[in-house]
Amino acid sequence: MFAPQGPSVRELAVQALSSTQRGYDLLAPKFDRTPFRTPDRMLDAVEETLARHEGGFGAGLDVCCGTGAATGMLRRLCRDRVTGVDFSAGMLAEAERRHTATGSGPAVDFVRADARALPPALAGSYDLAVSFGAFGHFLPDERPALFGGVHAALRPGGVFAFPIGAPQPLTSPGFWLTAGFDAVMRVRNALWRPAFVMYYRTFPFGGVREDLHRTGFTVETLPLHHFGHRPDGTPRWRLLLARKPGPGPA
C-alpha cells in the first residue's frame, strides 16, 4: 500500500477536501509512493502487447500523464517525440524532473492542459496516445470531449490505447470496495465544494466503446494474459485499441 515515505493521513485528508487539480498538486511530491501510481506490471504488459501487435510508432502522447509513469514506455515504443499532458502543475513538475533530461529515446516535452480541451497545437501530431489510471476523473458526459481531443491529436491511422478491466462480479470483495468508495465520493461531492472527482465505476466498457465509435474511432481489444482469466475463461484485463481511420504511420 503506502510506502513509509508516502503521504500522511493528514496530507491525504487535505487532498481529499481539495479540488481535483489542487489535490494532485499537493500529492505530487509523494504520489509515486502511493498505490495510486500505475504499477510497472501493467505498464510492462501494455508495452509488450503494443510492441507485438503494432510494432513501433513515430510520436507518442500520454494523456493525463501525472508524474510520468508511462514516459519510459513511450520512449521505448516511439522514435520521434513523446509529449505528456496533465492539468496539475505539481504532477508535471515531478514528471519533468524525472524525465526531461534523462533516459534514452526521443525527446520529451510536457504540456499543462485539461484533457477535455487539448491545445489545438497538438492536433494531428501523434501516432500513439495512451492513458493510465485517469478515467475515473471524468464523468460520463465528459467522455466525448476527452475522446474528441485525443482523436484530433492523432494522425490518420493513429491509435489510442489503454487497459480496461473486466466487470467485477457481485460476489467479489472488489465490487463492494469500489462501489462503497464511489458512494462515499458522491456524498462528499454533494456536501462539500470544491468537488474532487474520482470514481471507479463510471467507465464501463459498453459505454466507453459506444462513445469512442461516436467520436470516429474503430475499436478492438487484445487480452492482457499477464493478469490471468476469470472463471469463464475471459481475460481479467484487456488492452483497448481505438484507431483513427486512415493509413497507418510509415
C-alpha atoms as a PDB file:
ATOM      1  CA  MET A   1       0.000   0.000   0.000  1.00  0.00           C
ATOM      2  CA  PHE A   2       1.598   3.289   1.111  1.00  0.00           C
ATOM      3  CA  ALA A   3       5.382   3.417   1.426  1.00  0.00           C
ATOM      4  CA  PRO A   4       6.852   4.863   4.651  1.00  0.00           C
ATOM      5  CA  GLN A   5       7.847   7.991   2.712  1.00  0.00           C
ATOM      6  CA  GLY A   6       4.330   8.361   1.342  1.00  0.00           C
ATOM      7  CA  PRO A   7       1.685  10.922   2.346  1.00  0.00           C
ATOM      8  CA  SER A   8       0.459  11.102   5.918  1.00  0.00           C
ATOM      9  CA  VAL A   9      -3.187  10.660   6.884  1.00  0.00           C
ATOM     10  CA  ARG A  10      -3.431  14.417   7.353  1.00  0.00           C
ATOM     11  CA  GLU A  11      -1.992  15.085   3.893  1.00  0.00           C
ATOM     12  CA  LEU A  12      -4.450  12.647   2.332  1.00  0.00           C
ATOM     13  CA  ALA A  13      -7.332  14.300   4.176  1.00  0.00           C
ATOM     14  CA  VAL A  14      -6.315  17.746   2.934  1.00  0.00           C
ATOM     15  CA  GLN A  15      -6.051  16.395  -0.597  1.00  0.00           C
ATOM     16  CA  ALA A  16      -9.473  14.737  -0.384  1.00  0.00           C
ATOM     17  CA  LEU A  17     -11.074  18.037   0.665  1.00  0.00           C
ATOM     18  CA  SER A  18      -9.440  19.980  -2.175  1.00  0.00           C
ATOM     19  CA  SER A  19     -10.426  20.274  -5.819  1.00  0.00           C
ATOM     20  CA  THR A  20      -9.196  17.530  -8.136  1.00  0.00           C
ATOM     21  CA  GLN A  21      -6.459  19.754  -9.547  1.00  0.00           C
ATOM     22  CA  ARG A  22      -5.346  21.198  -6.224  1.00  0.00           C
ATOM     23  CA  GLY A  23      -5.432  17.770  -4.624  1.00  0.00           C
ATOM     24  CA  TYR A  24      -2.957  16.408  -7.140  1.00  0.00           C
ATOM     25  CA  ASP A  25      -0.740  19.472  -6.859  1.00  0.00           C
ATOM     26  CA  LEU A  26      -0.486  18.738  -3.128  1.00  0.00           C
ATOM     27  CA  LEU A  27       0.039  14.993  -3.513  1.00  0.00           C
ATOM     28  CA  ALA A  28       2.518  15.207  -6.417  1.00  0.00           C
ATOM     29  CA  PRO A  29       5.841  15.037  -4.480  1.00  0.00           C
ATOM     30  CA  LYS A  30       4.773  11.789  -2.797  1.00  0.00           C
ATOM     31  CA  PHE A  31       2.430  10.392  -5.447  1.00  0.00           C
ATOM     32  CA  ASP A  32       4.824   7.688  -6.663  1.00  0.00           C
ATOM     33  CA  ARG A  33       4.949   6.288  -3.117  1.00  0.00           C
ATOM     34  CA  THR A  34       1.199   5.616  -3.084  1.00  0.00           C
ATOM     35  CA  PRO A  35      -0.826   2.712  -4.530  1.00  0.00           C
ATOM     36  CA  PHE A  36      -2.423   5.190  -6.965  1.00  0.00           C
ATOM     37  CA  ARG A  37       0.584   5.106  -9.310  1.00  0.00           C
ATOM     38  CA  THR A  38       0.098   2.745 -12.250  1.00  0.00           C
ATOM     39  CA  PRO A  39       2.015  -0.463 -11.406  1.00  0.00           C
ATOM     40  CA  ASP A  40       5.054  -1.289 -13.518  1.00  0.00           C
ATOM     41  CA  ARG A  41       3.476  -4.678 -14.161  1.00  0.00           C
ATOM     42  CA  MET A  42       0.610  -3.024 -16.035  1.00  0.00           C
ATOM     43  CA  LEU A  43       2.931  -0.714 -17.965  1.00  0.00           C
ATOM     44  CA  ASP A  44       5.130  -3.654 -18.978  1.00  0.00           C
ATOM     45  CA  ALA A  45       2.131  -5.706 -20.109  1.00  0.00           C
ATOM     46  CA  VAL A  46       0.785  -2.878 -22.255  1.00  0.00           C
ATOM     47  CA  GLU A  47       4.210  -2.153 -23.748  1.00  0.00           C
ATOM     48  CA  GLU A  48       4.782  -5.794 -24.637  1.00  0.00           C
ATOM     49  CA  THR A  49       1.320  -6.130 -26.209  1.00  0.00           C
ATOM     50  CA  LEU A  50       1.619  -2.915 -28.219  1.00  0.00           C
ATOM     51  CA  ALA A  51       5.088  -3.806 -29.479  1.00  0.00           C
ATOM     52  CA  ARG A  52       3.955  -7.268 -30.550  1.00  0.00           C
ATOM     53  CA  HIS A  53       0.685  -6.167 -32.176  1.00  0.00           C
ATOM     54  CA  GLU A  54       1.562  -2.743 -33.568  1.00  0.00           C
ATOM     55  CA  GLY A  55       5.341  -2.507 -33.797  1.00  0.00           C
ATOM     56  CA  GLY A  56       6.939   0.918 -33.356  1.00  0.00           C
ATOM     57  CA  PHE A  57       5.447   4.407 -33.533  1.00  0.00           C
ATOM     58  CA  GLY A  58       6.596   7.869 -34.509  1.00  0.00           C
ATOM     59  CA  ALA A  59       5.302  10.301 -31.862  1.00  0.00           C
ATOM     60  CA  GLY A  60       3.560   9.404 -28.602  1.00  0.00           C
ATOM     61  CA  LEU A  61       1.120  11.301 -26.362  1.00  0.00           C
ATOM     62  CA  ASP A  62       0.488  10.462 -22.697  1.00  0.00           C
ATOM     63  CA  VAL A  63      -2.959  11.822 -21.776  1.00  0.00           C
ATOM     64  CA  CYS A  64      -3.210  12.715 -18.061  1.00  0.00           C
ATOM     65  CA  CYS A  65       0.432  11.744 -17.644  1.00  0.00           C
ATOM     66  CA  GLY A  66       0.712  12.530 -13.939  1.00  0.00           C
ATOM     67  CA  THR A  67       4.273  12.061 -12.734  1.00  0.00           C
ATOM     68  CA  GLY A  68       5.219  10.347 -16.000  1.00  0.00           C
ATOM     69  CA  ALA A  69       4.879   6.678 -15.091  1.00  0.00           C
ATOM     70  CA  ALA A  70       4.310   5.784 -18.760  1.00  0.00           C
ATOM     71  CA  THR A  71       7.006   8.067 -20.183  1.00  0.00           C
ATOM     72  CA  GLY A  72       9.717   5.418 -20.249  1.00  0.00           C
ATOM     73  CA  MET A  73       7.375   3.011 -22.005  1.00  0.00           C
ATOM     74  CA  LEU A  74       6.520   5.598 -24.667  1.00  0.00           C
ATOM     75  CA  ARG A  75      10.183   6.462 -25.224  1.00  0.00           C
ATOM     76  CA  ARG A  76      10.901   2.814 -25.966  1.00  0.00           C
ATOM     77  CA  LEU A  77       7.915   2.474 -28.305  1.00  0.00           C
ATOM     78  CA  CYS A  78       8.266   5.801 -30.153  1.00  0.00           C
ATOM     79  CA  ARG A  79      11.048   7.067 -32.404  1.00  0.00           C
ATOM     80  CA  ASP A  80      10.484  10.807 -32.742  1.00  0.00           C
ATOM     81  CA  ARG A  81       8.826  12.584 -29.843  1.00  0.00           C
ATOM     82  CA  VAL A  82       6.912  11.995 -26.600  1.00  0.00           C
ATOM     83  CA  THR A  83       4.545  14.516 -25.006  1.00  0.00           C
ATOM     84  CA  GLY A  84       2.895  14.289 -21.596  1.00  0.00           C
ATOM     85  CA  VAL A  85      -0.244  16.302 -20.870  1.00  0.00           C
ATOM     86  CA  ASP A  86      -1.735  16.944 -17.427  1.00  0.00           C
ATOM     87  CA  PHE A  87      -3.703  19.704 -15.713  1.00  0.00           C
ATOM     88  CA  SER A  88      -1.747  19.526 -12.456  1.00  0.00           C
ATOM     89  CA  ALA A  89       1.319  21.749 -12.331  1.00  0.00           C
ATOM     90  CA  GLY A  90       2.628  19.741  -9.387  1.00  0.00           C
ATOM     91  CA  MET A  91       2.401  16.420 -11.193  1.00  0.00           C
ATOM     92  CA  LEU A  92       4.022  17.883 -14.316  1.00  0.00           C
ATOM     93  CA  ALA A  93       6.894  19.268 -12.246  1.00  0.00           C
ATOM     94  CA  GLU A  94       7.600  15.754 -10.955  1.00  0.00           C
ATOM     95  CA  ALA A  95       7.383  14.309 -14.468  1.00  0.00           C
ATOM     96  CA  GLU A  96       9.765  16.928 -15.845  1.00  0.00           C
ATOM     97  CA  ARG A  97      12.227  16.381 -13.016  1.00  0.00           C
ATOM     98  CA  ARG A  98      12.337  12.650 -13.726  1.00  0.00           C
ATOM     99  CA  HIS A  99      12.238  12.530 -17.489  1.00  0.00           C
ATOM    100  CA  THR A 100      13.032  15.717 -19.417  1.00  0.00           C
ATOM    101  CA  ALA A 101      16.828  15.415 -19.344  1.00  0.00           C
ATOM    102  CA  THR A 102      17.250  11.725 -18.544  1.00  0.00           C
ATOM    103  CA  GLY A 103      16.975   8.370 -20.228  1.00  0.00           C
ATOM    104  CA  SER A 104      17.385   7.212 -23.786  1.00  0.00           C
ATOM    105  CA  GLY A 105      14.982   7.530 -26.674  1.00  0.00           C
ATOM    106  CA  PRO A 106      13.204  10.509 -28.226  1.00  0.00           C
ATOM    107  CA  ALA A 107      12.944  13.932 -26.644  1.00  0.00           C
ATOM    108  CA  VAL A 108      10.180  14.513 -24.097  1.00  0.00           C
ATOM    109  CA  ASP A 109       8.099  17.611 -23.522  1.00  0.00           C
ATOM    110  CA  PHE A 110       5.279  18.272 -21.079  1.00  0.00           C
ATOM    111  CA  VAL A 111       2.222  20.453 -21.599  1.00  0.00           C
ATOM    112  CA  ARG A 112      -0.132  21.726 -18.934  1.00  0.00           C
ATOM    113  CA  ALA A 113      -3.667  21.377 -20.256  1.00  0.00           C
ATOM    114  CA  ASP A 114      -7.083  19.937 -19.435  1.00  0.00           C
ATOM    115  CA  ALA A 115      -7.533  16.653 -21.299  1.00  0.00           C
ATOM    116  CA  ARG A 116     -11.107  17.719 -22.117  1.00  0.00           C
ATOM    117  CA  ALA A 117      -9.695  20.662 -24.106  1.00  0.00           C
ATOM    118  CA  LEU A 118      -6.334  19.674 -25.568  1.00  0.00           C
ATOM    119  CA  PRO A 119      -4.439  22.570 -27.202  1.00  0.00           C
ATOM    120  CA  PRO A 120      -5.031  22.945 -30.968  1.00  0.00           C
ATOM    121  CA  ALA A 121      -1.236  22.930 -31.426  1.00  0.00           C
ATOM    122  CA  LEU A 122      -1.246  19.185 -30.669  1.00  0.00           C
ATOM    123  CA  ALA A 123      -3.724  18.352 -33.453  1.00  0.00           C
ATOM    124  CA  GLY A 124      -2.640  15.759 -35.993  1.00  0.00           C
ATOM    125  CA  SER A 125       0.759  15.251 -34.357  1.00  0.00           C
ATOM    126  CA  TYR A 126       0.764  11.760 -32.803  1.00  0.00           C
ATOM    127  CA  ASP A 127       0.726   8.129 -33.866  1.00  0.00           C
ATOM    128  CA  LEU A 128       0.056   6.688 -30.413  1.00  0.00           C
ATOM    129  CA  ALA A 129      -1.843   8.064 -27.425  1.00  0.00           C
ATOM    130  CA  VAL A 130      -2.071   6.259 -24.085  1.00  0.00           C
ATOM    131  CA  SER A 131      -3.673   6.920 -20.734  1.00  0.00           C
ATOM    132  CA  PHE A 132      -3.402   5.084 -17.424  1.00  0.00           C
ATOM    133  CA  GLY A 133      -5.426   5.394 -14.248  1.00  0.00           C
ATOM    134  CA  ALA A 134      -7.103   8.712 -15.076  1.00  0.00           C
ATOM    135  CA  PHE A 135     -10.543   7.879 -16.432  1.00  0.00           C
ATOM    136  CA  GLY A 136     -12.208   7.916 -13.021  1.00  0.00           C
ATOM    137  CA  HIS A 137     -11.668  11.681 -13.019  1.00  0.00           C
ATOM    138  CA  PHE A 138     -14.091  12.156 -15.928  1.00  0.00           C
ATOM    139  CA  LEU A 139     -17.848  11.955 -15.588  1.00  0.00           C
ATOM    140  CA  PRO A 140     -19.665  10.033 -18.330  1.00  0.00           C
ATOM    141  CA  ASP A 141     -20.892  13.186 -20.068  1.00  0.00           C
ATOM    142  CA  GLU A 142     -17.271  14.411 -20.291  1.00  0.00           C
ATOM    143  CA  ARG A 143     -16.043  11.412 -22.260  1.00  0.00           C
ATOM    144  CA  PRO A 144     -16.988  12.826 -25.699  1.00  0.00           C
ATOM    145  CA  ALA A 145     -14.789  15.898 -25.127  1.00  0.00           C
ATOM    146  CA  LEU A 146     -11.941  13.719 -23.848  1.00  0.00           C
ATOM    147  CA  PHE A 147     -12.144  11.273 -26.741  1.00  0.00           C
ATOM    148  CA  GLY A 148     -12.671  14.046 -29.283  1.00  0.00           C
ATOM    149  CA  GLY A 149      -9.482  15.783 -28.206  1.00  0.00           C
ATOM    150  CA  VAL A 150      -7.448  12.595 -28.470  1.00  0.00           C
ATOM    151  CA  HIS A 151      -8.972  11.839 -31.882  1.00  0.00           C
ATOM    152  CA  ALA A 152      -7.933  15.304 -33.094  1.00  0.00           C
ATOM    153  CA  ALA A 153      -4.400  14.889 -31.726  1.00  0.00           C
ATOM    154  CA  LEU A 154      -3.832  11.624 -33.614  1.00  0.00           C
ATOM    155  CA  ARG A 155      -2.691  11.333 -37.194  1.00  0.00           C
ATOM    156  CA  PRO A 156      -4.788   9.164 -39.540  1.00  0.00           C
ATOM    157  CA  GLY A 157      -4.179   5.548 -38.581  1.00  0.00           C
ATOM    158  CA  GLY A 158      -3.088   6.558 -35.080  1.00  0.00           C
ATOM    159  CA  VAL A 159      -4.079   4.520 -32.031  1.00  0.00           C
ATOM    160  CA  PHE A 160      -5.440   5.474 -28.609  1.00  0.00           C
ATOM    161  CA  ALA A 161      -4.537   2.591 -26.280  1.00  0.00           C
ATOM    162  CA  PHE A 162      -5.482   1.974 -22.663  1.00  0.00           C
ATOM    163  CA  PRO A 163      -6.148  -1.019 -20.375  1.00  0.00           C
ATOM    164  CA  ILE A 164      -9.677  -1.765 -19.243  1.00  0.00           C
ATOM    165  CA  GLY A 165     -10.691  -4.305 -16.618  1.00  0.00           C
ATOM    166  CA  ALA A 166     -13.470  -6.868 -16.816  1.00  0.00           C
ATOM    167  CA  PRO A 167     -16.582  -6.168 -14.700  1.00  0.00           C
ATOM    168  CA  GLN A 168     -16.283  -7.486 -11.170  1.00  0.00           C
ATOM    169  CA  PRO A 169     -18.942  -9.979 -10.035  1.00  0.00           C
ATOM    170  CA  LEU A 170     -21.340  -9.016  -7.253  1.00  0.00           C
ATOM    171  CA  THR A 171     -19.731 -11.669  -5.067  1.00  0.00           C
ATOM    172  CA  SER A 172     -16.299 -10.067  -5.363  1.00  0.00           C
ATOM    173  CA  PRO A 173     -14.950  -8.018  -2.439  1.00  0.00           C
ATOM    174  CA  GLY A 174     -13.526  -5.646  -5.065  1.00  0.00           C
ATOM    175  CA  PHE A 175     -17.014  -4.888  -6.358  1.00  0.00           C
ATOM    176  CA  TRP A 176     -18.222  -3.764  -2.939  1.00  0.00           C
ATOM    177  CA  LEU A 177     -14.993  -1.887  -2.209  1.00  0.00           C
ATOM    178  CA  THR A 178     -15.228   0.189  -5.373  1.00  0.00           C
ATOM    179  CA  ALA A 179     -18.988   0.643  -5.066  1.00  0.00           C
ATOM    180  CA  GLY A 180     -18.527   1.833  -1.476  1.00  0.00           C
ATOM    181  CA  PHE A 181     -15.751   4.225  -2.461  1.00  0.00           C
ATOM    182  CA  ASP A 182     -17.902   5.732  -5.211  1.00  0.00           C
ATOM    183  CA  ALA A 183     -20.820   6.139  -2.812  1.00  0.00           C
ATOM    184  CA  VAL A 184     -18.620   7.969  -0.303  1.00  0.00           C
ATOM    185  CA  MET A 185     -17.291  10.250  -3.046  1.00  0.00           C
ATOM    186  CA  ARG A 186     -20.808  11.091  -4.213  1.00  0.00           C
ATOM    187  CA  VAL A 187     -21.801  12.060  -0.682  1.00  0.00           C
ATOM    188  CA  ARG A 188     -18.587  14.079  -0.258  1.00  0.00           C
ATOM    189  CA  ASN A 189     -19.182  15.965  -3.506  1.00  0.00           C
ATOM    190  CA  ALA A 190     -22.818  16.611  -2.628  1.00  0.00           C
ATOM    191  CA  LEU A 191     -21.852  18.147   0.715  1.00  0.00           C
ATOM    192  CA  TRP A 192     -18.502  19.797   0.045  1.00  0.00           C
ATOM    193  CA  ARG A 193     -17.101  22.205  -2.511  1.00  0.00           C
ATOM    194  CA  PRO A 194     -14.895  22.205  -4.486  1.00  0.00           C
ATOM    195  CA  ALA A 195     -15.605  18.746  -5.831  1.00  0.00           C
ATOM    196  CA  PHE A 196     -12.951  16.051  -6.047  1.00  0.00           C
ATOM    197  CA  VAL A 197     -13.946  13.879  -8.993  1.00  0.00           C
ATOM    198  CA  MET A 198     -12.716  10.295  -8.694  1.00  0.00           C
ATOM    199  CA  TYR A 199     -14.954   7.288  -9.285  1.00  0.00           C
ATOM    200  CA  TYR A 200     -14.173   3.659 -10.059  1.00  0.00           C
ATOM    201  CA  ARG A 201     -17.415   2.590 -11.695  1.00  0.00           C
ATOM    202  CA  THR A 202     -18.134   5.340 -14.241  1.00  0.00           C
ATOM    203  CA  PHE A 203     -16.087   3.902 -17.134  1.00  0.00           C
ATOM    204  CA  PRO A 204     -17.863   0.710 -18.285  1.00  0.00           C
ATOM    205  CA  PHE A 205     -16.657  -0.965 -21.449  1.00  0.00           C
ATOM    206  CA  GLY A 206     -20.010  -0.791 -23.247  1.00  0.00           C
ATOM    207  CA  GLY A 207     -20.494   2.932 -22.760  1.00  0.00           C
ATOM    208  CA  VAL A 208     -16.840   3.682 -23.481  1.00  0.00           C
ATOM    209  CA  ARG A 209     -16.895   1.711 -26.730  1.00  0.00           C
ATOM    210  CA  GLU A 210     -20.081   3.483 -27.813  1.00  0.00           C
ATOM    211  CA  ASP A 211     -18.594   6.924 -27.132  1.00  0.00           C
ATOM    212  CA  LEU A 212     -15.390   6.010 -28.990  1.00  0.00           C
ATOM    213  CA  HIS A 213     -17.404   4.880 -32.018  1.00  0.00           C
ATOM    214  CA  ARG A 214     -19.401   8.119 -31.957  1.00  0.00           C
ATOM    215  CA  THR A 215     -16.149  10.088 -31.891  1.00  0.00           C
ATOM    216  CA  GLY A 216     -14.976   8.357 -35.070  1.00  0.00           C
ATOM    217  CA  PHE A 217     -12.718   5.607 -33.742  1.00  0.00           C
ATOM    218  CA  THR A 218     -12.795   1.959 -34.661  1.00  0.00           C
ATOM    219  CA  VAL A 219     -12.368  -0.254 -31.603  1.00  0.00           C
ATOM    220  CA  GLU A 220     -10.729  -3.598 -30.926  1.00  0.00           C
ATOM    221  CA  THR A 221      -9.409  -5.232 -27.780  1.00  0.00           C
ATOM    222  CA  LEU A 222      -6.477  -7.520 -27.056  1.00  0.00           C
ATOM    223  CA  PRO A 223      -6.271  -9.766 -23.983  1.00  0.00           C
ATOM    224  CA  LEU A 224      -3.637  -8.915 -21.401  1.00  0.00           C
ATOM    225  CA  HIS A 225      -2.908 -12.513 -20.434  1.00  0.00           C
ATOM    226  CA  HIS A 226      -0.385 -11.328 -17.850  1.00  0.00           C
ATOM    227  CA  PHE A 227      -3.258 -10.812 -15.369  1.00  0.00           C
ATOM    228  CA  GLY A 228      -4.958 -14.165 -15.744  1.00  0.00           C
ATOM    229  CA  HIS A 229      -8.512 -15.090 -16.587  1.00  0.00           C
ATOM    230  CA  ARG A 230     -11.894 -15.179 -14.920  1.00  0.00           C
ATOM    231  CA  PRO A 231     -13.649 -18.484 -14.200  1.00  0.00           C
ATOM    232  CA  ASP A 232     -15.470 -18.262 -17.554  1.00  0.00           C
ATOM    233  CA  GLY A 233     -12.112 -18.046 -19.381  1.00  0.00           C
ATOM    234  CA  THR A 234     -12.303 -14.364 -20.343  1.00  0.00           C
ATOM    235  CA  PRO A 235      -9.290 -12.160 -19.509  1.00  0.00           C
ATOM    236  CA  ARG A 236      -9.353 -10.056 -16.355  1.00  0.00           C
ATOM    237  CA  TRP A 237      -7.788  -7.163 -18.304  1.00  0.00           C
ATOM    238  CA  ARG A 238      -7.818  -6.161 -21.959  1.00  0.00           C
ATOM    239  CA  LEU A 239      -5.939  -3.553 -23.934  1.00  0.00           C
ATOM    240  CA  LEU A 240      -8.405  -1.392 -25.825  1.00  0.00           C
ATOM    241  CA  LEU A 241      -7.162  -0.035 -29.162  1.00  0.00           C
ATOM    242  CA  ALA A 242      -9.207   2.856 -30.561  1.00  0.00           C
ATOM    243  CA  ARG A 243      -7.947   3.629 -34.046  1.00  0.00           C
ATOM    244  CA  LYS A 244      -8.453   6.813 -36.046  1.00  0.00           C
ATOM    245  CA  PRO A 245      -9.354   5.708 -39.576  1.00  0.00           C
ATOM    246  CA  GLY A 246      -6.751   6.235 -42.242  1.00  0.00           C
ATOM    247  CA  PRO A 247      -3.481   4.740 -43.393  1.00  0.00           C
ATOM    248  CA  GLY A 248      -1.143   3.705 -40.621  1.00  0.00           C
ATOM    249  CA  PRO A 249       2.094   5.608 -39.952  1.00  0.00           C
ATOM    250  CA  ALA A 250       5.067   4.729 -42.095  1.00  0.00           C
END
